[in-house]
Amino acid sequence: MTAMHADELQNLLVRIDERVKAIQEDIREINVARRCASHHVKIRTLERLVWGCLAGLAGIGARMVFEAWRP
C-alpha cells in the first residue's frame, strides 16, 4: 500500500467517524425531544403492575411450598 493510498484511507475513516458521531448526536436529540411525561407515567405504572404480579406469584408459590411441607 502506498503512502498516498494510506493517507486517503485515513482521511476516509476520519470522515466516516465524524459522520457517525453526528448521526449519534442527532439520534440523541430526537430521543430527548420525544420524551413525554405521560409516557413516563404509563411505563412506571406498567412496571409497578409487573412487579406486583411477580410479588403475588412469589407469595402464591411460597404458600404452596409451605402447604406442601406442612404435616
N, C-alpha and C. Protein backbone atom coordinates (compact mmCIF):
# COMPACT_ATOMS: atom_id res chain seq x y z
N MET A 1 0.85 -1.16 0.00
CA MET A 1 0.00 0.00 0.00
C MET A 1 0.90 1.23 0.00
N THR A 2 0.61 2.15 -0.86
CA THR A 2 1.43 3.36 -0.96
C THR A 2 1.04 4.34 0.14
N ALA A 3 1.93 5.27 0.40
CA ALA A 3 1.67 6.27 1.43
C ALA A 3 0.46 7.13 1.07
N MET A 4 0.32 7.44 -0.22
CA MET A 4 -0.82 8.24 -0.66
C MET A 4 -2.12 7.48 -0.46
N HIS A 5 -2.11 6.20 -0.77
CA HIS A 5 -3.30 5.38 -0.59
C HIS A 5 -3.67 5.27 0.89
N ALA A 6 -2.67 5.12 1.74
CA ALA A 6 -2.90 5.04 3.18
C ALA A 6 -3.47 6.35 3.72
N ASP A 7 -2.95 7.46 3.22
CA ASP A 7 -3.47 8.77 3.65
C ASP A 7 -4.93 8.94 3.22
N GLU A 8 -5.27 8.50 2.03
CA GLU A 8 -6.65 8.60 1.56
C GLU A 8 -7.57 7.75 2.43
N LEU A 9 -7.12 6.55 2.77
CA LEU A 9 -7.93 5.70 3.64
C LEU A 9 -8.09 6.31 5.02
N GLN A 10 -7.01 6.89 5.54
CA GLN A 10 -7.08 7.53 6.85
C GLN A 10 -8.07 8.68 6.83
N ASN A 11 -8.02 9.50 5.79
CA ASN A 11 -8.96 10.61 5.67
C ASN A 11 -10.40 10.11 5.55
N LEU A 12 -10.59 9.05 4.81
CA LEU A 12 -11.92 8.48 4.67
C LEU A 12 -12.44 7.97 6.00
N LEU A 13 -11.59 7.29 6.76
CA LEU A 13 -12.00 6.80 8.07
C LEU A 13 -12.34 7.94 9.03
N VAL A 14 -11.59 9.01 8.96
CA VAL A 14 -11.87 10.17 9.81
C VAL A 14 -13.22 10.77 9.45
N ARG A 15 -13.49 10.91 8.17
CA ARG A 15 -14.78 11.46 7.73
C ARG A 15 -15.94 10.55 8.15
N ILE A 16 -15.75 9.25 8.01
CA ILE A 16 -16.80 8.30 8.41
C ILE A 16 -17.05 8.41 9.91
N ASP A 17 -15.98 8.49 10.70
CA ASP A 17 -16.11 8.60 12.14
C ASP A 17 -16.85 9.88 12.53
N GLU A 18 -16.51 10.99 11.88
CA GLU A 18 -17.21 12.25 12.16
C GLU A 18 -18.68 12.15 11.82
N ARG A 19 -18.99 11.51 10.70
CA ARG A 19 -20.40 11.38 10.28
C ARG A 19 -21.17 10.49 11.25
N VAL A 20 -20.55 9.42 11.71
CA VAL A 20 -21.20 8.53 12.68
C VAL A 20 -21.48 9.28 13.97
N LYS A 21 -20.52 10.07 14.42
CA LYS A 21 -20.73 10.86 15.64
C LYS A 21 -21.86 11.86 15.46
N ALA A 22 -21.95 12.48 14.29
CA ALA A 22 -23.03 13.43 14.02
C ALA A 22 -24.38 12.72 14.02
N ILE A 23 -24.44 11.54 13.44
CA ILE A 23 -25.70 10.78 13.43
C ILE A 23 -26.10 10.39 14.84
N GLN A 24 -25.12 9.96 15.66
CA GLN A 24 -25.42 9.60 17.04
C GLN A 24 -25.96 10.80 17.81
N GLU A 25 -25.39 11.96 17.60
CA GLU A 25 -25.87 13.16 18.27
C GLU A 25 -27.29 13.50 17.81
N ASP A 26 -27.57 13.37 16.52
CA ASP A 26 -28.92 13.61 16.01
C ASP A 26 -29.92 12.65 16.65
N ILE A 27 -29.57 11.40 16.76
CA ILE A 27 -30.45 10.41 17.38
C ILE A 27 -30.68 10.76 18.83
N ARG A 28 -29.62 11.16 19.53
CA ARG A 28 -29.75 11.54 20.94
C ARG A 28 -30.72 12.72 21.08
N GLU A 29 -30.62 13.71 20.20
CA GLU A 29 -31.51 14.86 20.25
C GLU A 29 -32.96 14.45 19.97
N ILE A 30 -33.16 13.55 19.03
CA ILE A 30 -34.51 13.07 18.73
C ILE A 30 -35.10 12.35 19.93
N ASN A 31 -34.31 11.50 20.56
CA ASN A 31 -34.80 10.76 21.73
C ASN A 31 -35.16 11.70 22.87
N VAL A 32 -34.38 12.75 23.06
CA VAL A 32 -34.69 13.71 24.12
C VAL A 32 -35.97 14.46 23.79
N ALA A 33 -36.14 14.82 22.53
CA ALA A 33 -37.33 15.57 22.11
C ALA A 33 -38.59 14.72 22.21
N ARG A 34 -38.48 13.41 22.04
CA ARG A 34 -39.65 12.55 22.07
C ARG A 34 -40.08 12.15 23.47
N ARG A 35 -39.26 12.43 24.46
CA ARG A 35 -39.64 12.06 25.83
C ARG A 35 -40.90 12.79 26.22
N CYS A 36 -41.78 12.07 26.82
CA CYS A 36 -43.06 12.65 27.18
C CYS A 36 -43.38 12.22 28.60
N ALA A 37 -43.85 13.14 29.40
CA ALA A 37 -44.15 12.84 30.80
C ALA A 37 -45.24 11.78 30.93
N SER A 38 -46.25 11.83 30.04
CA SER A 38 -47.33 10.85 30.14
C SER A 38 -46.82 9.45 29.82
N HIS A 39 -45.88 9.33 28.87
CA HIS A 39 -45.31 8.01 28.59
C HIS A 39 -44.52 7.50 29.78
N HIS A 40 -43.81 8.40 30.45
CA HIS A 40 -43.04 8.01 31.62
C HIS A 40 -43.97 7.49 32.71
N VAL A 41 -45.10 8.14 32.90
CA VAL A 41 -46.06 7.70 33.91
C VAL A 41 -46.65 6.35 33.53
N LYS A 42 -46.97 6.16 32.25
CA LYS A 42 -47.52 4.89 31.79
C LYS A 42 -46.52 3.75 31.99
N ILE A 43 -45.27 4.01 31.65
CA ILE A 43 -44.24 2.98 31.81
C ILE A 43 -44.05 2.66 33.28
N ARG A 44 -44.04 3.66 34.13
CA ARG A 44 -43.89 3.43 35.57
C ARG A 44 -45.06 2.61 36.10
N THR A 45 -46.27 2.92 35.64
CA THR A 45 -47.44 2.16 36.06
C THR A 45 -47.34 0.70 35.61
N LEU A 46 -46.92 0.48 34.38
CA LEU A 46 -46.75 -0.89 33.89
C LEU A 46 -45.69 -1.63 34.68
N GLU A 47 -44.60 -0.96 35.00
CA GLU A 47 -43.55 -1.60 35.81
C GLU A 47 -44.10 -2.00 37.17
N ARG A 48 -44.88 -1.14 37.78
CA ARG A 48 -45.46 -1.46 39.09
C ARG A 48 -46.42 -2.64 38.98
N LEU A 49 -47.20 -2.69 37.90
CA LEU A 49 -48.10 -3.82 37.70
C LEU A 49 -47.33 -5.13 37.55
N VAL A 50 -46.26 -5.09 36.78
CA VAL A 50 -45.45 -6.29 36.57
C VAL A 50 -44.83 -6.74 37.88
N TRP A 51 -44.22 -5.82 38.61
CA TRP A 51 -43.60 -6.20 39.89
C TRP A 51 -44.65 -6.66 40.89
N GLY A 52 -45.83 -6.07 40.87
CA GLY A 52 -46.91 -6.52 41.76
C GLY A 52 -47.35 -7.94 41.42
N CYS A 53 -47.47 -8.22 40.13
CA CYS A 53 -47.85 -9.59 39.71
C CYS A 53 -46.76 -10.59 40.10
N LEU A 54 -45.51 -10.22 39.93
CA LEU A 54 -44.42 -11.11 40.32
C LEU A 54 -44.41 -11.34 41.83
N ALA A 55 -44.66 -10.31 42.59
CA ALA A 55 -44.71 -10.46 44.04
C ALA A 55 -45.88 -11.36 44.44
N GLY A 56 -47.02 -11.19 43.78
CA GLY A 56 -48.18 -12.05 44.06
C GLY A 56 -47.90 -13.50 43.71
N LEU A 57 -47.28 -13.74 42.57
CA LEU A 57 -46.93 -15.10 42.19
C LEU A 57 -45.92 -15.71 43.15
N ALA A 58 -44.96 -14.90 43.60
CA ALA A 58 -43.99 -15.40 44.58
C ALA A 58 -44.68 -15.76 45.88
N GLY A 59 -45.65 -14.95 46.29
CA GLY A 59 -46.42 -15.24 47.50
C GLY A 59 -47.22 -16.52 47.36
N ILE A 60 -47.87 -16.70 46.23
CA ILE A 60 -48.64 -17.92 45.99
C ILE A 60 -47.71 -19.13 45.97
N GLY A 61 -46.57 -19.00 45.32
CA GLY A 61 -45.60 -20.10 45.27
C GLY A 61 -45.08 -20.45 46.65
N ALA A 62 -44.79 -19.42 47.46
CA ALA A 62 -44.32 -19.67 48.83
C ALA A 62 -45.39 -20.35 49.65
N ARG A 63 -46.62 -19.94 49.47
CA ARG A 63 -47.71 -20.58 50.22
C ARG A 63 -47.89 -22.03 49.80
N MET A 64 -47.77 -22.31 48.49
CA MET A 64 -47.88 -23.69 48.01
C MET A 64 -46.77 -24.56 48.60
N VAL A 65 -45.55 -24.02 48.64
CA VAL A 65 -44.44 -24.77 49.22
C VAL A 65 -44.68 -24.98 50.71
N PHE A 66 -45.14 -23.96 51.39
CA PHE A 66 -45.44 -24.08 52.82
C PHE A 66 -46.51 -25.12 53.08
N GLU A 67 -47.58 -25.10 52.29
CA GLU A 67 -48.66 -26.08 52.45
C GLU A 67 -48.18 -27.49 52.12
N ALA A 68 -47.29 -27.63 51.16
CA ALA A 68 -46.79 -28.94 50.79
C ALA A 68 -45.91 -29.52 51.91
N TRP A 69 -45.20 -28.71 52.61
CA TRP A 69 -44.30 -29.16 53.67
C TRP A 69 -45.03 -29.30 55.02
N ARG A 70 -46.20 -28.76 55.09
CA ARG A 70 -46.97 -28.80 56.33
C ARG A 70 -47.50 -30.21 56.56
N PRO A 71 -47.34 -30.72 57.79
CA PRO A 71 -47.83 -32.11 58.05
C PRO A 71 -49.31 -32.26 58.06
